[in-house]
């Protein structure tokens, strides 16, 4: 129920690019399977598409049907003139640059697929989603549409190390950098990752969306097993509750371990709970209360508590969303 059209064009007359085919092949490879090797997107990869007619046709095919997610990724040249923005094809000419971004928007807006995602790594790609009329510009995207672009409408997109700068970060995001605690990678998570990681680059990504809830594009192995995450409501009856610790939670606090030990000694049941709590601490959901480390919170019979993020996931578990 997921399909993706991946396009990369290097072969432009008098203006060749070097990283777009690498971009397309790498993105397609990551989208095809989830982190556990289960099938994800059914991908169609098109390299060095010769003309705008063919490109427009395969874009239309991508957004036909009623799949849960239809995704279009493009890496190549982009152009903006007085009439609008274009993704450029090798048959470009004066006043005929390629496929109009307005045409793509119309195809996407009319699509019956439940989630429509457009990702563009090209110069001036931020124009995507904008309609210009009578000197005015407006963003008009229908429900279920998400657009993620490499740059604003008036800035270029750079290449480095055999890939576009934007796509290099996109690949990192899809490899797990943008995953949430449950291992889901959504368009919003990808944008947040890329926007932060671009750092001092003048190139800035653009994110436009009209959705009520994101469907994950990819799922990787979560940082903490979901079964442990779901125990959070058992450890903390309320989001603002604390969990009392004592030395029996620390597995090294046992008579057969050569160091100073204190009573109560390590208890097998408590040790399991404490290890789960430590895993939740490692992903920022729990912090020791009054101590810097969970070890000392246990050995000194202190407490731990949920962070703001932990309270958020507590509610998701409580409401059976996770």
C-alpha atoms as a PDB file:
ATOM      1  CA  UNK A   1       0.000   0.000   0.000  1.00  0.00           C
ATOM      2  CA  UNK A   2       3.024   2.281  -0.419  1.00  0.00           C
ATOM      3  CA  UNK A   3       4.576   3.262  -3.728  1.00  0.00           C
ATOM      4  CA  UNK A   4       7.401   5.628  -4.597  1.00  0.00           C
ATOM      5  CA  UNK A   5       8.671   7.172  -7.819  1.00  0.00           C
ATOM      6  CA  UNK A   6      12.358   8.037  -7.517  1.00  0.00           C
ATOM      7  CA  UNK A   7      13.899  10.216 -10.248  1.00  0.00           C
ATOM      8  CA  UNK A   8      17.529  11.294 -10.649  1.00  0.00           C
ATOM      9  CA  UNK A   9      18.886  13.250 -13.617  1.00  0.00           C
ATOM     10  CA  UNK A  10      22.589  13.963 -14.215  1.00  0.00           C
ATOM     11  CA  UNK A  11      22.673  14.297 -18.002  1.00  0.00           C
ATOM     12  CA  UNK A  12      21.769  17.897 -18.757  1.00  0.00           C
ATOM     13  CA  UNK A  13      23.219  19.435 -21.954  1.00  0.00           C
ATOM     14  CA  UNK A  14      25.835  22.073 -21.033  1.00  0.00           C
ATOM     15  CA  UNK A  15      24.902  21.794 -17.336  1.00  0.00           C
ATOM     16  CA  UNK A  16      25.591  18.219 -16.132  1.00  0.00           C
ATOM     17  CA  UNK A  17      25.260  17.208 -12.505  1.00  0.00           C
ATOM     18  CA  UNK A  18      27.230  14.468 -10.735  1.00  0.00           C
ATOM     19  CA  UNK A  19      25.296  13.346  -7.671  1.00  0.00           C
ATOM     20  CA  UNK A  20      21.648  13.010  -8.703  1.00  0.00           C
ATOM     21  CA  UNK A  21      21.749   9.386  -9.836  1.00  0.00           C
ATOM     22  CA  UNK A  22      23.604   8.488  -6.624  1.00  0.00           C
ATOM     23  CA  UNK A  23      20.895  10.340  -4.722  1.00  0.00           C
ATOM     24  CA  UNK A  24      18.056   8.487  -6.427  1.00  0.00           C
ATOM     25  CA  UNK A  25      19.613   5.033  -6.075  1.00  0.00           C
ATOM     26  CA  UNK A  26      20.417   5.533  -2.399  1.00  0.00           C
ATOM     27  CA  UNK A  27      16.958   6.901  -1.522  1.00  0.00           C
ATOM     28  CA  UNK A  28      15.245   4.043  -3.378  1.00  0.00           C
ATOM     29  CA  UNK A  29      17.399   1.473  -1.576  1.00  0.00           C
ATOM     30  CA  UNK A  30      16.465   2.816   1.862  1.00  0.00           C
ATOM     31  CA  UNK A  31      12.745   3.162   1.131  1.00  0.00           C
ATOM     32  CA  UNK A  32      12.312  -0.382  -0.189  1.00  0.00           C
ATOM     33  CA  UNK A  33      12.699  -2.116   3.176  1.00  0.00           C
ATOM     34  CA  UNK A  34      12.186  -1.319   6.840  1.00  0.00           C
ATOM     35  CA  UNK A  35      14.889  -1.748   9.442  1.00  0.00           C
ATOM     36  CA  UNK A  36      13.774  -5.346  10.114  1.00  0.00           C
ATOM     37  CA  UNK A  37      14.074  -6.106   6.361  1.00  0.00           C
ATOM     38  CA  UNK A  38      10.294  -6.289   5.882  1.00  0.00           C
ATOM     39  CA  UNK A  39       8.966  -4.838   2.585  1.00  0.00           C
ATOM     40  CA  UNK A  40       8.152  -1.132   2.673  1.00  0.00           C
ATOM     41  CA  UNK A  41       7.721   0.933  -0.516  1.00  0.00           C
ATOM     42  CA  UNK A  42       7.241  -0.553  -3.953  1.00  0.00           C
ATOM     43  CA  UNK A  43       9.705   1.703  -5.742  1.00  0.00           C
ATOM     44  CA  UNK A  44      10.085   2.685  -9.369  1.00  0.00           C
ATOM     45  CA  UNK A  45      13.401   4.331 -10.146  1.00  0.00           C
ATOM     46  CA  UNK A  46      13.864   6.433 -13.289  1.00  0.00           C
ATOM     47  CA  UNK A  47      17.317   7.769 -14.167  1.00  0.00           C
ATOM     48  CA  UNK A  48      18.128  10.479 -16.734  1.00  0.00           C
ATOM     49  CA  UNK A  49      14.518  10.839 -17.903  1.00  0.00           C
ATOM     50  CA  UNK A  50      14.890  12.341 -21.379  1.00  0.00           C
ATOM     51  CA  UNK A  51      11.916  14.678 -21.682  1.00  0.00           C
ATOM     52  CA  UNK A  52       9.210  16.467 -19.752  1.00  0.00           C
ATOM     53  CA  UNK A  53       6.385  14.484 -21.366  1.00  0.00           C
ATOM     54  CA  UNK A  54       7.685  11.201 -19.975  1.00  0.00           C
ATOM     55  CA  UNK A  55       8.413  12.709 -16.575  1.00  0.00           C
ATOM     56  CA  UNK A  56       4.938  14.231 -16.285  1.00  0.00           C
ATOM     57  CA  UNK A  57       3.398  10.892 -17.266  1.00  0.00           C
ATOM     58  CA  UNK A  58       5.234   8.853 -14.652  1.00  0.00           C
ATOM     59  CA  UNK A  59       4.437  11.448 -11.984  1.00  0.00           C
ATOM     60  CA  UNK A  60       0.757  11.121 -12.883  1.00  0.00           C
ATOM     61  CA  UNK A  61       1.055   7.332 -12.636  1.00  0.00           C
ATOM     62  CA  UNK A  62       2.709   7.616  -9.234  1.00  0.00           C
ATOM     63  CA  UNK A  63      -0.262   9.473  -7.758  1.00  0.00           C
ATOM     64  CA  UNK A  64      -2.946   7.363  -9.431  1.00  0.00           C
ATOM     65  CA  UNK A  65      -4.770   4.706  -7.437  1.00  0.00           C
ATOM     66  CA  UNK A  66      -5.685   4.809  -3.770  1.00  0.00           C
ATOM     67  CA  UNK A  67      -2.569   3.636  -1.938  1.00  0.00           C
ATOM     68  CA  UNK A  68      -1.951   4.631   1.645  1.00  0.00           C
ATOM     69  CA  UNK A  69       1.191   6.563   0.645  1.00  0.00           C
ATOM     70  CA  UNK A  70       2.376   7.752  -2.774  1.00  0.00           C
ATOM     71  CA  UNK A  71       5.798   9.424  -2.746  1.00  0.00           C
ATOM     72  CA  UNK A  72       7.666  11.303  -5.464  1.00  0.00           C
ATOM     73  CA  UNK A  73      11.376  12.093  -5.038  1.00  0.00           C
ATOM     74  CA  UNK A  74      13.354  14.151  -7.550  1.00  0.00           C
ATOM     75  CA  UNK A  75      17.043  15.040  -7.721  1.00  0.00           C
ATOM     76  CA  UNK A  76      18.194  17.260 -10.568  1.00  0.00           C
ATOM     77  CA  UNK A  77      18.047  20.851 -11.748  1.00  0.00           C
ATOM     78  CA  UNK A  78      15.318  23.252 -10.687  1.00  0.00           C
ATOM     79  CA  UNK A  79      14.462  26.609 -12.198  1.00  0.00           C
ATOM     80  CA  UNK A  80      12.218  29.574 -11.505  1.00  0.00           C
ATOM     81  CA  UNK A  81      11.198  32.261 -13.999  1.00  0.00           C
ATOM     82  CA  UNK A  82       8.522  34.917 -14.097  1.00  0.00           C
ATOM     83  CA  UNK A  83       5.807  32.317 -14.664  1.00  0.00           C
ATOM     84  CA  UNK A  84       6.703  29.848 -11.915  1.00  0.00           C
ATOM     85  CA  UNK A  85       8.947  26.983 -10.827  1.00  0.00           C
ATOM     86  CA  UNK A  86      10.032  23.888 -12.760  1.00  0.00           C
ATOM     87  CA  UNK A  87      11.840  20.614 -12.270  1.00  0.00           C
ATOM     88  CA  UNK A  88      14.127  20.667 -15.277  1.00  0.00           C
ATOM     89  CA  UNK A  89      14.377  17.890 -17.879  1.00  0.00           C
ATOM     90  CA  UNK A  90      17.228  17.387 -20.410  1.00  0.00           C
ATOM     91  CA  UNK A  91      15.044  18.678 -23.268  1.00  0.00           C
ATOM     92  CA  UNK A  92      14.741  22.098 -21.652  1.00  0.00           C
ATOM     93  CA  UNK A  93      14.753  25.257 -23.726  1.00  0.00           C
ATOM     94  CA  UNK A  94      14.056  28.951 -23.359  1.00  0.00           C
ATOM     95  CA  UNK A  95      10.611  29.381 -21.760  1.00  0.00           C
ATOM     96  CA  UNK A  96      10.171  25.594 -21.686  1.00  0.00           C
ATOM     97  CA  UNK A  97      12.229  24.331 -18.764  1.00  0.00           C
ATOM     98  CA  UNK A  98      10.536  21.080 -17.848  1.00  0.00           C
ATOM     99  CA  UNK A  99       7.597  20.003 -15.692  1.00  0.00           C
ATOM    100  CA  UNK A 100       5.894  22.891 -13.942  1.00  0.00           C
ATOM    101  CA  UNK A 101       5.673  22.631 -10.161  1.00  0.00           C
ATOM    102  CA  UNK A 102       2.124  23.960 -10.455  1.00  0.00           C
ATOM    103  CA  UNK A 103       1.261  21.013 -12.728  1.00  0.00           C
ATOM    104  CA  UNK A 104       2.790  18.600 -10.216  1.00  0.00           C
ATOM    105  CA  UNK A 105       0.792  20.246  -7.429  1.00  0.00           C
ATOM    106  CA  UNK A 106      -2.423  19.834  -9.409  1.00  0.00           C
ATOM    107  CA  UNK A 107      -1.688  16.113  -9.955  1.00  0.00           C
ATOM    108  CA  UNK A 108      -0.900  15.629  -6.269  1.00  0.00           C
ATOM    109  CA  UNK A 109      -3.903  17.613  -5.029  1.00  0.00           C
ATOM    110  CA  UNK A 110      -6.289  15.548  -7.195  1.00  0.00           C
ATOM    111  CA  UNK A 111      -4.802  12.213  -6.128  1.00  0.00           C
ATOM    112  CA  UNK A 112      -7.037   9.772  -4.232  1.00  0.00           C
ATOM    113  CA  UNK A 113      -4.067   8.302  -2.363  1.00  0.00           C
ATOM    114  CA  UNK A 114      -4.487   8.928   1.352  1.00  0.00           C
ATOM    115  CA  UNK A 115      -1.027  10.416   1.887  1.00  0.00           C
ATOM    116  CA  UNK A 116       0.882  12.234  -0.848  1.00  0.00           C
ATOM    117  CA  UNK A 117       4.534  13.105  -0.286  1.00  0.00           C
ATOM    118  CA  UNK A 118       6.758  15.166  -2.604  1.00  0.00           C
ATOM    119  CA  UNK A 119      10.494  15.466  -1.871  1.00  0.00           C
ATOM    120  CA  UNK A 120      12.568  17.680  -4.163  1.00  0.00           C
ATOM    121  CA  UNK A 121      16.346  18.106  -4.110  1.00  0.00           C
ATOM    122  CA  UNK A 122      16.860  20.845  -6.660  1.00  0.00           C
ATOM    123  CA  UNK A 123      17.492  24.571  -6.792  1.00  0.00           C
ATOM    124  CA  UNK A 124      14.480  26.803  -6.064  1.00  0.00           C
ATOM    125  CA  UNK A 125      12.494  23.746  -4.946  1.00  0.00           C
ATOM    126  CA  UNK A 126      10.733  25.732  -2.227  1.00  0.00           C
ATOM    127  CA  UNK A 127       8.440  27.077  -4.940  1.00  0.00           C
ATOM    128  CA  UNK A 128       6.707  23.677  -4.920  1.00  0.00           C
ATOM    129  CA  UNK A 129       3.248  24.037  -3.431  1.00  0.00           C
ATOM    130  CA  UNK A 130       2.962  27.687  -4.429  1.00  0.00           C
ATOM    131  CA  UNK A 131       0.573  29.106  -7.011  1.00  0.00           C
ATOM    132  CA  UNK A 132       1.304  32.593  -8.345  1.00  0.00           C
ATOM    133  CA  UNK A 133      -1.514  34.692  -9.764  1.00  0.00           C
ATOM    134  CA  UNK A 134      -1.660  38.411 -10.468  1.00  0.00           C
ATOM    135  CA  UNK A 135       1.531  39.077  -8.575  1.00  0.00           C
ATOM    136  CA  UNK A 136       0.310  37.188  -5.494  1.00  0.00           C
ATOM    137  CA  UNK A 137       1.655  33.881  -4.179  1.00  0.00           C
ATOM    138  CA  UNK A 138      -0.284  31.375  -2.130  1.00  0.00           C
ATOM    139  CA  UNK A 139       0.341  27.870  -0.863  1.00  0.00           C
ATOM    140  CA  UNK A 140      -2.630  25.659  -1.694  1.00  0.00           C
ATOM    141  CA  UNK A 141      -2.285  22.008  -0.787  1.00  0.00           C
ATOM    142  CA  UNK A 142      -5.158  19.645  -0.145  1.00  0.00           C
ATOM    143  CA  UNK A 143      -5.577  17.344   2.836  1.00  0.00           C
ATOM    144  CA  UNK A 144      -3.027  14.548   2.983  1.00  0.00           C
ATOM    145  CA  UNK A 145      -0.294  16.390   1.063  1.00  0.00           C
ATOM    146  CA  UNK A 146       3.238  16.894   2.414  1.00  0.00           C
ATOM    147  CA  UNK A 147       6.049  18.699   0.587  1.00  0.00           C
ATOM    148  CA  UNK A 148       9.701  18.657   1.659  1.00  0.00           C
ATOM    149  CA  UNK A 149      12.218  20.598  -0.403  1.00  0.00           C
ATOM    150  CA  UNK A 150      15.968  21.144  -0.341  1.00  0.00           C
ATOM    151  CA  UNK A 151      15.890  24.928  -0.490  1.00  0.00           C
ATOM    152  CA  UNK A 152      13.706  27.997  -0.514  1.00  0.00           C
ATOM    153  CA  UNK A 153      12.214  29.274  -3.767  1.00  0.00           C
ATOM    154  CA  UNK A 154      14.980  31.826  -4.262  1.00  0.00           C
ATOM    155  CA  UNK A 155      18.063  29.798  -3.275  1.00  0.00           C
ATOM    156  CA  UNK A 156      20.165  27.051  -4.876  1.00  0.00           C
ATOM    157  CA  UNK A 157      20.660  23.476  -3.665  1.00  0.00           C
ATOM    158  CA  UNK A 158      24.260  22.333  -3.291  1.00  0.00           C
ATOM    159  CA  UNK A 159      26.124  19.096  -4.060  1.00  0.00           C
ATOM    160  CA  UNK A 160      28.962  17.664  -1.988  1.00  0.00           C
ATOM    161  CA  UNK A 161      30.695  14.288  -1.750  1.00  0.00           C
ATOM    162  CA  UNK A 162      28.765  12.706  -4.626  1.00  0.00           C
ATOM    163  CA  UNK A 163      25.336  13.618  -3.236  1.00  0.00           C
ATOM    164  CA  UNK A 164      23.169  16.668  -2.816  1.00  0.00           C
ATOM    165  CA  UNK A 165      23.697  18.266   0.592  1.00  0.00           C
ATOM    166  CA  UNK A 166      19.983  17.868   1.292  1.00  0.00           C
ATOM    167  CA  UNK A 167      19.851  14.234   0.194  1.00  0.00           C
ATOM    168  CA  UNK A 168      22.964  13.360   2.210  1.00  0.00           C
ATOM    169  CA  UNK A 169      21.024  14.415   5.303  1.00  0.00           C
ATOM    170  CA  UNK A 170      17.842  12.766   4.035  1.00  0.00           C
ATOM    171  CA  UNK A 171      19.738   9.470   3.812  1.00  0.00           C
ATOM    172  CA  UNK A 172      20.986   9.882   7.385  1.00  0.00           C
ATOM    173  CA  UNK A 173      17.435  10.638   8.519  1.00  0.00           C
ATOM    174  CA  UNK A 174      16.031   7.559   6.745  1.00  0.00           C
ATOM    175  CA  UNK A 175      18.823   5.402   8.187  1.00  0.00           C
ATOM    176  CA  UNK A 176      17.472   6.102  11.668  1.00  0.00           C
ATOM    177  CA  UNK A 177      18.605   9.620  12.501  1.00  0.00           C
ATOM    178  CA  UNK A 178      15.038  10.940  12.322  1.00  0.00           C
ATOM    179  CA  UNK A 179      13.388   7.983  14.086  1.00  0.00           C
ATOM    180  CA  UNK A 180      11.230   8.631  17.107  1.00  0.00           C
ATOM    181  CA  UNK A 181      11.331   6.490  20.235  1.00  0.00           C
ATOM    182  CA  UNK A 182       9.152   3.838  18.567  1.00  0.00           C
ATOM    183  CA  UNK A 183      11.383   3.654  15.465  1.00  0.00           C
ATOM    184  CA  UNK A 184       8.961   5.466  13.150  1.00  0.00           C
ATOM    185  CA  UNK A 185      10.360   7.960  10.647  1.00  0.00           C
ATOM    186  CA  UNK A 186       7.831  10.573   9.537  1.00  0.00           C
ATOM    187  CA  UNK A 187       8.148  13.553   7.172  1.00  0.00           C
ATOM    188  CA  UNK A 188       8.077  15.955  10.108  1.00  0.00           C
ATOM    189  CA  UNK A 189      10.879  14.059  11.823  1.00  0.00           C
ATOM    190  CA  UNK A 190      12.931  14.122   8.620  1.00  0.00           C
ATOM    191  CA  UNK A 191      12.448  17.872   8.261  1.00  0.00           C
ATOM    192  CA  UNK A 192      13.429  18.521  11.876  1.00  0.00           C
ATOM    193  CA  UNK A 193      16.561  16.392  11.460  1.00  0.00           C
ATOM    194  CA  UNK A 194      17.638  18.058   8.195  1.00  0.00           C
ATOM    195  CA  UNK A 195      16.859  21.585   9.355  1.00  0.00           C
ATOM    196  CA  UNK A 196      18.981  21.152  12.475  1.00  0.00           C
ATOM    197  CA  UNK A 197      21.789  19.245  10.747  1.00  0.00           C
ATOM    198  CA  UNK A 198      22.239  21.818   7.967  1.00  0.00           C
ATOM    199  CA  UNK A 199      23.799  24.067  10.584  1.00  0.00           C
ATOM    200  CA  UNK A 200      25.778  26.902   8.973  1.00  0.00           C
ATOM    201  CA  UNK A 201      24.787  26.052   5.384  1.00  0.00           C
ATOM    202  CA  UNK A 202      22.925  28.950   3.770  1.00  0.00           C
ATOM    203  CA  UNK A 203      20.685  26.390   2.081  1.00  0.00           C
ATOM    204  CA  UNK A 204      17.529  25.891   4.151  1.00  0.00           C
ATOM    205  CA  UNK A 205      14.869  23.196   3.662  1.00  0.00           C
ATOM    206  CA  UNK A 206      11.158  23.972   3.312  1.00  0.00           C
ATOM    207  CA  UNK A 207       8.325  21.940   4.807  1.00  0.00           C
ATOM    208  CA  UNK A 208       4.666  22.322   3.836  1.00  0.00           C
ATOM    209  CA  UNK A 209       1.912  19.979   4.924  1.00  0.00           C
ATOM    210  CA  UNK A 210      -1.827  19.582   5.339  1.00  0.00           C
ATOM    211  CA  UNK A 211      -2.276  16.417   7.377  1.00  0.00           C
ATOM    212  CA  UNK A 212      -3.965  15.588  10.671  1.00  0.00           C
ATOM    213  CA  UNK A 213      -1.603  12.705  11.433  1.00  0.00           C
ATOM    214  CA  UNK A 214       1.615  11.542   9.775  1.00  0.00           C
ATOM    215  CA  UNK A 215       1.993   7.998   8.492  1.00  0.00           C
ATOM    216  CA  UNK A 216       5.567   6.736   8.892  1.00  0.00           C
ATOM    217  CA  UNK A 217       7.590   6.534   5.700  1.00  0.00           C
ATOM    218  CA  UNK A 218       9.911   3.965   7.227  1.00  0.00           C
ATOM    219  CA  UNK A 219      10.291   1.998  10.440  1.00  0.00           C
ATOM    220  CA  UNK A 220      13.626   1.062  11.986  1.00  0.00           C
ATOM    221  CA  UNK A 221      14.484  -0.874  15.121  1.00  0.00           C
ATOM    222  CA  UNK A 222      13.385   1.264  18.099  1.00  0.00           C
ATOM    223  CA  UNK A 223      15.970   2.398  20.603  1.00  0.00           C
ATOM    224  CA  UNK A 224      14.024   0.603  23.333  1.00  0.00           C
ATOM    225  CA  UNK A 225      11.754  -2.381  22.782  1.00  0.00           C
ATOM    226  CA  UNK A 226       8.113  -1.294  22.632  1.00  0.00           C
ATOM    227  CA  UNK A 227       7.214  -3.853  25.336  1.00  0.00           C
ATOM    228  CA  UNK A 228       9.460  -1.964  27.767  1.00  0.00           C
ATOM    229  CA  UNK A 229       8.022   1.386  26.740  1.00  0.00           C
ATOM    230  CA  UNK A 230       4.501   0.134  27.431  1.00  0.00           C
ATOM    231  CA  UNK A 231       5.440  -0.670  31.032  1.00  0.00           C
ATOM    232  CA  UNK A 232       5.871   3.033  31.699  1.00  0.00           C
ATOM    233  CA  UNK A 233       2.274   3.352  32.966  1.00  0.00           C
ATOM    234  CA  UNK A 234       2.905   0.520  35.411  1.00  0.00           C
ATOM    235  CA  UNK A 235       5.982   2.193  36.856  1.00  0.00           C
ATOM    236  CA  UNK A 236       4.335   5.617  36.967  1.00  0.00           C
ATOM    237  CA  UNK A 237       0.585   5.572  37.813  1.00  0.00           C
ATOM    238  CA  UNK A 238       0.361   9.254  36.836  1.00  0.00           C
ATOM    239  CA  UNK A 239       2.550  11.390  34.543  1.00  0.00           C
ATOM    240  CA  UNK A 240       3.814  13.462  37.476  1.00  0.00           C
ATOM    241  CA  UNK A 241       4.419  10.485  39.772  1.00  0.00           C
ATOM    242  CA  UNK A 242       7.877   9.427  40.956  1.00  0.00           C
ATOM    243  CA  UNK A 243       9.284   5.938  41.311  1.00  0.00           C
ATOM    244  CA  UNK A 244      11.087   5.162  44.572  1.00  0.00           C
ATOM    245  CA  UNK A 245      14.398   3.335  44.252  1.00  0.00           C
ATOM    246  CA  UNK A 246      16.689   1.632  46.744  1.00  0.00           C
ATOM    247  CA  UNK A 247      19.920  -0.414  46.599  1.00  0.00           C
ATOM    248  CA  UNK A 248      18.014  -3.625  45.817  1.00  0.00           C
ATOM    249  CA  UNK A 249      17.508  -2.333  42.267  1.00  0.00           C
ATOM    250  CA  UNK A 250      21.247  -2.212  41.484  1.00  0.00           C
ATOM    251  CA  UNK A 251      22.474  -5.620  40.280  1.00  0.00           C
ATOM    252  CA  UNK A 252      26.079  -5.004  41.386  1.00  0.00           C
ATOM    253  CA  UNK A 253      24.908  -4.529  44.966  1.00  0.00           C
ATOM    254  CA  UNK A 254      25.246  -8.222  45.768  1.00  0.00           C
ATOM    255  CA  UNK A 255      27.456 -10.176  48.207  1.00  0.00           C
ATOM    256  CA  UNK A 256      29.275 -11.950  45.357  1.00  0.00           C
ATOM    257  CA  UNK A 257      30.457  -8.628  43.846  1.00  0.00           C
ATOM    258  CA  UNK A 258      33.724  -7.208  45.213  1.00  0.00           C
ATOM    259  CA  UNK A 259      32.859  -3.690  46.287  1.00  0.00           C
ATOM    260  CA  UNK A 260      31.020  -1.965  49.100  1.00  0.00           C
ATOM    261  CA  UNK A 261      27.452  -3.211  49.296  1.00  0.00           C
ATOM    262  CA  UNK A 262      24.502  -2.051  51.345  1.00  0.00           C
ATOM    263  CA  UNK A 263      21.181  -3.509  52.325  1.00  0.00           C
ATOM    264  CA  UNK A 264      18.709  -4.277  50.878  1.00  0.00           C
ATOM    265  CA  UNK A 265      20.784  -6.401  48.513  1.00  0.00           C
ATOM    266  CA  UNK A 266      20.060  -6.812  44.817  1.00  0.00           C
ATOM    267  CA  UNK A 267      16.642  -8.309  44.166  1.00  0.00           C
ATOM    268  CA  UNK A 268      16.098 -10.084  40.821  1.00  0.00           C
ATOM    269  CA  UNK A 269      12.657  -8.561  40.192  1.00  0.00           C
ATOM    270  CA  UNK A 270      13.790  -5.064  41.077  1.00  0.00           C
ATOM    271  CA  UNK A 271      16.943  -5.437  38.960  1.00  0.00           C
ATOM    272  CA  UNK A 272      14.794  -6.137  35.875  1.00  0.00           C
ATOM    273  CA  UNK A 273      12.663  -3.070  36.581  1.00  0.00           C
ATOM    274  CA  UNK A 274      15.742  -0.920  37.129  1.00  0.00           C
ATOM    275  CA  UNK A 275      17.329  -2.029  33.860  1.00  0.00           C
ATOM    276  CA  UNK A 276      14.117  -1.106  32.060  1.00  0.00           C
ATOM    277  CA  UNK A 277      14.090   2.266  33.776  1.00  0.00           C
ATOM    278  CA  UNK A 278      17.711   2.812  32.753  1.00  0.00           C
ATOM    279  CA  UNK A 279      16.819   2.047  29.126  1.00  0.00           C
ATOM    280  CA  UNK A 280      14.024   4.598  29.299  1.00  0.00           C
ATOM    281  CA  UNK A 281      16.489   7.070  30.807  1.00  0.00           C
ATOM    282  CA  UNK A 282      18.878   6.489  27.887  1.00  0.00           C
ATOM    283  CA  UNK A 283      16.267   7.821  25.436  1.00  0.00           C
ATOM    284  CA  UNK A 284      15.315  10.804  27.545  1.00  0.00           C
ATOM    285  CA  UNK A 285      12.035   9.616  29.043  1.00  0.00           C
ATOM    286  CA  UNK A 286      13.203   9.324  32.670  1.00  0.00           C
ATOM    287  CA  UNK A 287      15.660  11.205  34.870  1.00  0.00           C
ATOM    288  CA  UNK A 288      16.886  10.535  38.426  1.00  0.00           C
ATOM    289  CA  UNK A 289      15.371  12.919  40.955  1.00  0.00           C
ATOM    290  CA  UNK A 290      18.043  14.634  43.010  1.00  0.00           C
ATOM    291  CA  UNK A 291      20.997  12.663  41.608  1.00  0.00           C
ATOM    292  CA  UNK A 292      23.012  12.901  38.403  1.00  0.00           C
ATOM    293  CA  UNK A 293      22.996   9.153  37.667  1.00  0.00           C
ATOM    294  CA  UNK A 294      20.415   6.416  38.113  1.00  0.00           C
ATOM    295  CA  UNK A 295      23.020   4.256  39.878  1.00  0.00           C
ATOM    296  CA  UNK A 296      23.379   6.750  42.718  1.00  0.00           C
ATOM    297  CA  UNK A 297      19.616   7.309  42.860  1.00  0.00           C
ATOM    298  CA  UNK A 298      19.246   3.599  43.583  1.00  0.00           C
ATOM    299  CA  UNK A 299      22.188   3.272  45.989  1.00  0.00           C
ATOM    300  CA  UNK A 300      21.035   6.327  47.955  1.00  0.00           C
ATOM    301  CA  UNK A 301      17.334   5.328  47.910  1.00  0.00           C
ATOM    302  CA  UNK A 302      16.282   8.325  45.883  1.00  0.00           C
ATOM    303  CA  UNK A 303      13.590   8.498  43.171  1.00  0.00           C
ATOM    304  CA  UNK A 304      13.279   8.889  39.415  1.00  0.00           C
ATOM    305  CA  UNK A 305      10.646  10.717  37.393  1.00  0.00           C
ATOM    306  CA  UNK A 306       9.350  11.194  33.877  1.00  0.00           C
ATOM    307  CA  UNK A 307      10.664  13.986  31.690  1.00  0.00           C
ATOM    308  CA  UNK A 308       8.233  16.097  29.657  1.00  0.00           C
ATOM    309  CA  UNK A 309       8.858  13.735  26.747  1.00  0.00           C
ATOM    310  CA  UNK A 310       8.323  10.782  29.051  1.00  0.00           C
ATOM    311  CA  UNK A 311       4.975  12.207  30.124  1.00  0.00           C
ATOM    312  CA  UNK A 312       4.017  12.539  26.452  1.00  0.00           C
ATOM    313  CA  UNK A 313       4.757   8.874  25.781  1.00  0.00           C
ATOM    314  CA  UNK A 314       3.029   7.921  29.052  1.00  0.00           C
ATOM    315  CA  UNK A 315      -0.164   9.414  27.650  1.00  0.00           C
ATOM    316  CA  UNK A 316       0.281   7.599  24.334  1.00  0.00           C
ATOM    317  CA  UNK A 317       0.592   4.282  26.155  1.00  0.00           C
ATOM    318  CA  UNK A 318      -2.307   5.102  28.494  1.00  0.00           C
ATOM    319  CA  UNK A 319      -4.543   5.912  25.519  1.00  0.00           C
ATOM    320  CA  UNK A 320      -3.528   2.704  23.696  1.00  0.00           C
ATOM    321  CA  UNK A 321      -1.924   4.666  20.875  1.00  0.00           C
ATOM    322  CA  UNK A 322       1.306   2.726  21.420  1.00  0.00           C
END
